[in-house]
């Protein structure tokens, strides 16, 4: 049970002071009955705002199809960012919604966003071993020997002290392939190919752990269930 004004503020609906106005205007109901006090302790599952249930009161996890050209930052100084594609009140949640890891501006594809700190840690920890699959297009014909080079687990990248973990490469066409990795080093996929003399022209993440984009359109997002996610 939480105070109503604290609850609405934490979920990004309004400030604690503005919650008083929400209540005065009759916009908030508890079990279908208009709430009279903003400091009342309530069960979030029974609260509605404008006759709609509260959005993800226990924390949210969503999947976004990030387009090329968008950065994974809250800063407006870097141009377009992914939060422009999400509901405007999500950054006002406390904790604020953030991306799980990052995709650089020139990379498109699946990105998870959440306000649950334990999920961010779980999905980005070096010990997580979560598979990420990328569709890669390069500047010239691929050599099948790359399959073994990436799979051995001894590939060293410049300025790194440890080799990359084994990665699975599937050549799709003469200049495109799918690469599955379990790490998230800085620009890892591009650097892996560059170390062998290939330049990545286009990079798209198709899968993150159990999540795939499916029919999700570019620039769109969808909420994911927390029921099967271990905190």
Protein backbone atom coordinates (compact mmCIF):
# COMPACT_ATOMS: atom_id res chain seq x y z
CA UNK A 1 0.00 0.00 0.00
CA UNK A 2 1.33 3.43 -0.96
CA UNK A 3 0.13 6.98 -0.69
CA UNK A 4 -1.79 7.89 -3.83
CA UNK A 5 0.21 11.06 -4.54
CA UNK A 6 3.50 9.16 -4.19
CA UNK A 7 2.22 6.40 -6.45
CA UNK A 8 1.08 8.71 -9.25
CA UNK A 9 4.31 10.67 -9.07
CA UNK A 10 6.46 7.53 -9.20
CA UNK A 11 4.59 6.31 -12.29
CA UNK A 12 5.09 9.61 -14.09
CA UNK A 13 1.48 10.74 -14.17
CA UNK A 14 2.03 13.98 -12.29
CA UNK A 15 3.89 15.56 -9.39
CA UNK A 16 2.72 14.91 -5.85
CA UNK A 17 1.24 18.42 -5.76
CA UNK A 18 -0.54 17.90 -9.07
CA UNK A 19 -2.05 14.70 -7.68
CA UNK A 20 -4.28 16.87 -5.50
CA UNK A 21 -5.75 18.42 -8.65
CA UNK A 22 -6.26 14.97 -10.20
CA UNK A 23 -8.26 13.96 -7.12
CA UNK A 24 -10.24 17.23 -6.97
CA UNK A 25 -11.22 16.80 -10.61
CA UNK A 26 -12.48 13.27 -9.94
CA UNK A 27 -10.00 11.67 -12.32
CA UNK A 28 -8.81 9.04 -9.85
CA UNK A 29 -10.91 6.12 -8.65
CA UNK A 30 -10.30 3.30 -6.20
CA UNK A 31 -12.33 0.21 -7.06
CA UNK A 32 -14.64 2.36 -9.17
CA UNK A 33 -15.23 4.95 -6.44
CA UNK A 34 -13.87 8.49 -6.79
CA UNK A 35 -10.97 9.09 -4.41
CA UNK A 36 -11.34 12.07 -2.06
CA UNK A 37 -7.79 12.46 -0.67
CA UNK A 38 -4.46 12.42 -2.45
CA UNK A 39 -2.63 11.22 0.68
CA UNK A 40 -4.82 8.13 1.02
CA UNK A 41 -2.98 4.79 1.04
CA UNK A 42 -4.15 2.64 -1.84
CA UNK A 43 -3.66 -0.66 -3.62
CA UNK A 44 -2.22 0.16 -7.05
CA UNK A 45 -4.14 -2.73 -8.64
CA UNK A 46 -7.45 -1.04 -7.78
CA UNK A 47 -6.60 2.47 -8.97
CA UNK A 48 -7.72 3.97 -12.28
CA UNK A 49 -6.87 7.35 -13.79
CA UNK A 50 -9.40 8.68 -16.29
CA UNK A 51 -11.03 5.23 -16.01
CA UNK A 52 -7.86 3.46 -17.18
CA UNK A 53 -5.82 1.07 -14.96
CA UNK A 54 -2.40 2.31 -13.89
CA UNK A 55 0.31 1.57 -16.43
CA UNK A 56 2.81 -1.03 -15.24
CA UNK A 57 2.58 -0.20 -11.50
CA UNK A 58 5.06 -2.99 -10.68
CA UNK A 59 7.64 -1.80 -13.20
CA UNK A 60 7.73 -1.97 -16.96
CA UNK A 61 9.70 -3.81 -19.61
CA UNK A 62 9.22 -2.96 -23.27
CA UNK A 63 10.77 -3.84 -26.59
CA UNK A 64 11.61 -1.07 -29.07
CA UNK A 65 12.52 -1.34 -32.74
CA UNK A 66 15.24 1.29 -32.82
CA UNK A 67 15.76 2.98 -36.20
CA UNK A 68 19.15 4.11 -37.48
CA UNK A 69 19.94 7.68 -36.44
CA UNK A 70 18.62 7.52 -32.88
CA UNK A 71 20.94 7.55 -29.86
CA UNK A 72 20.36 5.71 -26.57
CA UNK A 73 20.67 8.79 -24.38
CA UNK A 74 18.39 11.19 -22.53
CA UNK A 75 20.50 14.12 -23.76
CA UNK A 76 18.97 16.27 -26.49
CA UNK A 77 22.42 17.51 -27.46
CA UNK A 78 23.07 14.33 -29.45
CA UNK A 79 20.07 14.83 -31.73
CA UNK A 80 17.25 12.32 -31.99
CA UNK A 81 17.08 9.84 -29.13
CA UNK A 82 15.06 6.71 -28.48
CA UNK A 83 12.97 8.36 -25.76
CA UNK A 84 11.26 10.46 -28.41
CA UNK A 85 9.74 7.20 -29.68
CA UNK A 86 8.37 6.20 -26.25
CA UNK A 87 5.48 7.63 -24.20
CA UNK A 88 6.40 11.12 -23.01
CA UNK A 89 5.76 10.35 -19.33
CA UNK A 90 8.07 7.31 -19.15
CA UNK A 91 11.20 9.36 -18.39
CA UNK A 92 9.20 10.94 -15.54
CA UNK A 93 8.77 7.61 -13.80
CA UNK A 94 10.90 7.07 -10.70
CA UNK A 95 13.12 5.24 -11.45
CA UNK A 96 13.09 6.59 -15.01
CA UNK A 97 12.89 4.25 -17.98
CA UNK A 98 16.31 3.50 -19.44
CA UNK A 99 17.68 1.28 -22.19
CA UNK A 100 19.18 -2.11 -21.43
CA UNK A 101 22.63 -1.62 -22.87
CA UNK A 102 22.96 0.46 -26.02
CA UNK A 103 22.84 0.33 -29.77
CA UNK A 104 24.92 2.99 -31.49
CA UNK A 105 23.32 5.53 -33.79
CA UNK A 106 24.19 3.58 -36.91
CA UNK A 107 22.69 0.32 -35.63
CA UNK A 108 19.01 -0.58 -35.84
CA UNK A 109 16.95 -3.27 -34.22
CA UNK A 110 15.76 -4.70 -30.94
CA UNK A 111 16.33 -2.66 -27.80
CA UNK A 112 14.86 -3.34 -24.37
CA UNK A 113 13.79 -0.48 -22.11
CA UNK A 114 12.82 -0.78 -18.46
CA UNK A 115 12.61 1.02 -15.13
CA UNK A 116 13.56 -2.10 -13.17
CA UNK A 117 17.17 -1.81 -12.04
CA UNK A 118 17.58 -5.52 -11.34
CA UNK A 119 16.67 -6.30 -14.97
CA UNK A 120 19.20 -3.80 -16.30
CA UNK A 121 21.88 -5.45 -14.18
CA UNK A 122 20.79 -8.96 -15.10
CA UNK A 123 20.74 -8.29 -18.84
CA UNK A 124 23.99 -6.29 -18.97
CA UNK A 125 26.16 -8.17 -16.48
CA UNK A 126 29.27 -9.77 -18.04
CA UNK A 127 28.14 -13.00 -16.38
CA UNK A 128 24.70 -12.96 -18.00
CA UNK A 129 25.66 -14.98 -21.13
CA UNK A 130 22.55 -13.70 -22.90
CA UNK A 131 22.68 -14.30 -26.64
CA UNK A 132 22.28 -11.37 -29.01
CA UNK A 133 21.88 -12.00 -32.74
CA UNK A 134 22.80 -9.43 -35.38
CA UNK A 135 22.24 -9.31 -39.12
CA UNK A 136 25.48 -7.94 -40.57
CA UNK A 137 26.15 -6.54 -44.05
CA UNK A 138 29.80 -5.99 -44.99
CA UNK A 139 31.74 -4.22 -47.73
CA UNK A 140 33.03 -7.27 -49.61
CA UNK A 141 32.54 -11.00 -50.01
CA UNK A 142 32.75 -12.96 -46.79
CA UNK A 143 35.25 -15.75 -46.27
CA UNK A 144 33.91 -18.97 -44.66
CA UNK A 145 37.07 -19.13 -42.53
CA UNK A 146 35.49 -16.38 -40.38
CA UNK A 147 33.13 -19.00 -38.96
CA UNK A 148 35.98 -20.81 -37.21
CA UNK A 149 37.87 -17.62 -36.34
CA UNK A 150 34.88 -16.23 -34.43
CA UNK A 151 33.99 -19.60 -32.87
CA UNK A 152 37.39 -20.37 -31.33
CA UNK A 153 37.17 -17.87 -28.49
CA UNK A 154 40.69 -16.50 -28.95
CA UNK A 155 39.95 -13.45 -31.11
CA UNK A 156 41.68 -10.38 -29.63
CA UNK A 157 40.37 -6.90 -30.30
CA UNK A 158 42.58 -3.84 -30.27
CA UNK A 159 43.02 -2.30 -26.78
CA UNK A 160 41.40 -5.35 -25.15
CA UNK A 161 43.12 -7.55 -22.58
CA UNK A 162 40.87 -10.59 -22.96
CA UNK A 163 39.79 -12.44 -26.11
CA UNK A 164 36.18 -12.41 -27.25
CA UNK A 165 34.05 -15.31 -26.12
CA UNK A 166 33.12 -17.84 -28.81
CA UNK A 167 30.60 -16.44 -31.28
CA UNK A 168 28.42 -18.16 -33.87
CA UNK A 169 28.61 -16.88 -37.45
CA UNK A 170 26.14 -17.99 -40.12
CA UNK A 171 26.86 -16.72 -43.64
CA UNK A 172 23.56 -15.77 -45.29
CA UNK A 173 24.82 -14.45 -48.63
CA UNK A 174 28.10 -13.30 -50.17
CA UNK A 175 28.13 -10.08 -48.10
CA UNK A 176 25.71 -10.72 -45.25
CA UNK A 177 25.74 -12.93 -42.17
CA UNK A 178 24.13 -13.52 -38.80
CA UNK A 179 26.39 -13.24 -35.79
CA UNK A 180 25.36 -14.39 -32.32
CA UNK A 181 27.42 -13.17 -29.37
CA UNK A 182 27.01 -13.33 -25.60
CA UNK A 183 28.99 -10.21 -24.73
CA UNK A 184 28.32 -6.51 -25.11
CA UNK A 185 31.69 -4.86 -25.64
CA UNK A 186 31.95 -1.41 -27.18
CA UNK A 187 31.10 -1.67 -30.90
CA UNK A 188 31.95 -5.35 -30.60
CA UNK A 189 30.43 -6.67 -33.83
CA UNK A 190 31.97 -3.93 -35.97
CA UNK A 191 35.36 -4.42 -34.29
CA UNK A 192 35.28 -8.18 -34.71
CA UNK A 193 34.81 -7.89 -38.46
CA UNK A 194 37.28 -5.00 -38.71
CA UNK A 195 39.95 -7.13 -37.02
CA UNK A 196 39.77 -9.48 -40.00
CA UNK A 197 39.67 -6.78 -42.67
CA UNK A 198 35.92 -6.33 -43.25
CA UNK A 199 33.97 -3.11 -42.76
CA UNK A 200 30.40 -3.39 -41.49
CA UNK A 201 28.09 -1.38 -43.72
CA UNK A 202 24.79 -2.16 -41.99
CA UNK A 203 24.10 -3.65 -38.58
CA UNK A 204 20.73 -4.77 -37.22
CA UNK A 205 19.96 -6.60 -33.97
CA UNK A 206 17.28 -9.24 -34.53
CA UNK A 207 17.24 -10.96 -31.14
CA UNK A 208 18.06 -10.26 -27.51
CA UNK A 209 17.84 -13.38 -25.36
CA UNK A 210 14.30 -14.79 -25.74
CA UNK A 211 12.98 -11.64 -27.41
CA UNK A 212 12.65 -11.16 -31.19
CA UNK A 213 11.21 -8.22 -33.11
CA UNK A 214 8.60 -10.30 -34.93
CA UNK A 215 6.09 -8.04 -36.67
CA UNK A 216 7.02 -4.94 -34.68
CA UNK A 217 7.41 -1.97 -37.05
CA UNK A 218 10.46 0.28 -37.11
CA UNK A 219 10.17 3.02 -34.49
CA UNK A 220 7.40 1.19 -32.63
CA UNK A 221 7.41 -0.39 -29.17
CA UNK A 222 5.41 -3.00 -27.27
CA UNK A 223 5.08 -3.86 -23.62
CA UNK A 224 6.49 -7.20 -22.47
CA UNK A 225 5.13 -9.37 -19.69
CA UNK A 226 7.03 -9.53 -16.43
CA UNK A 227 5.37 -12.79 -15.37
CA UNK A 228 8.11 -15.02 -16.75
CA UNK A 229 11.02 -12.69 -16.03
CA UNK A 230 13.07 -13.61 -12.98
CA UNK A 231 13.99 -10.51 -11.01
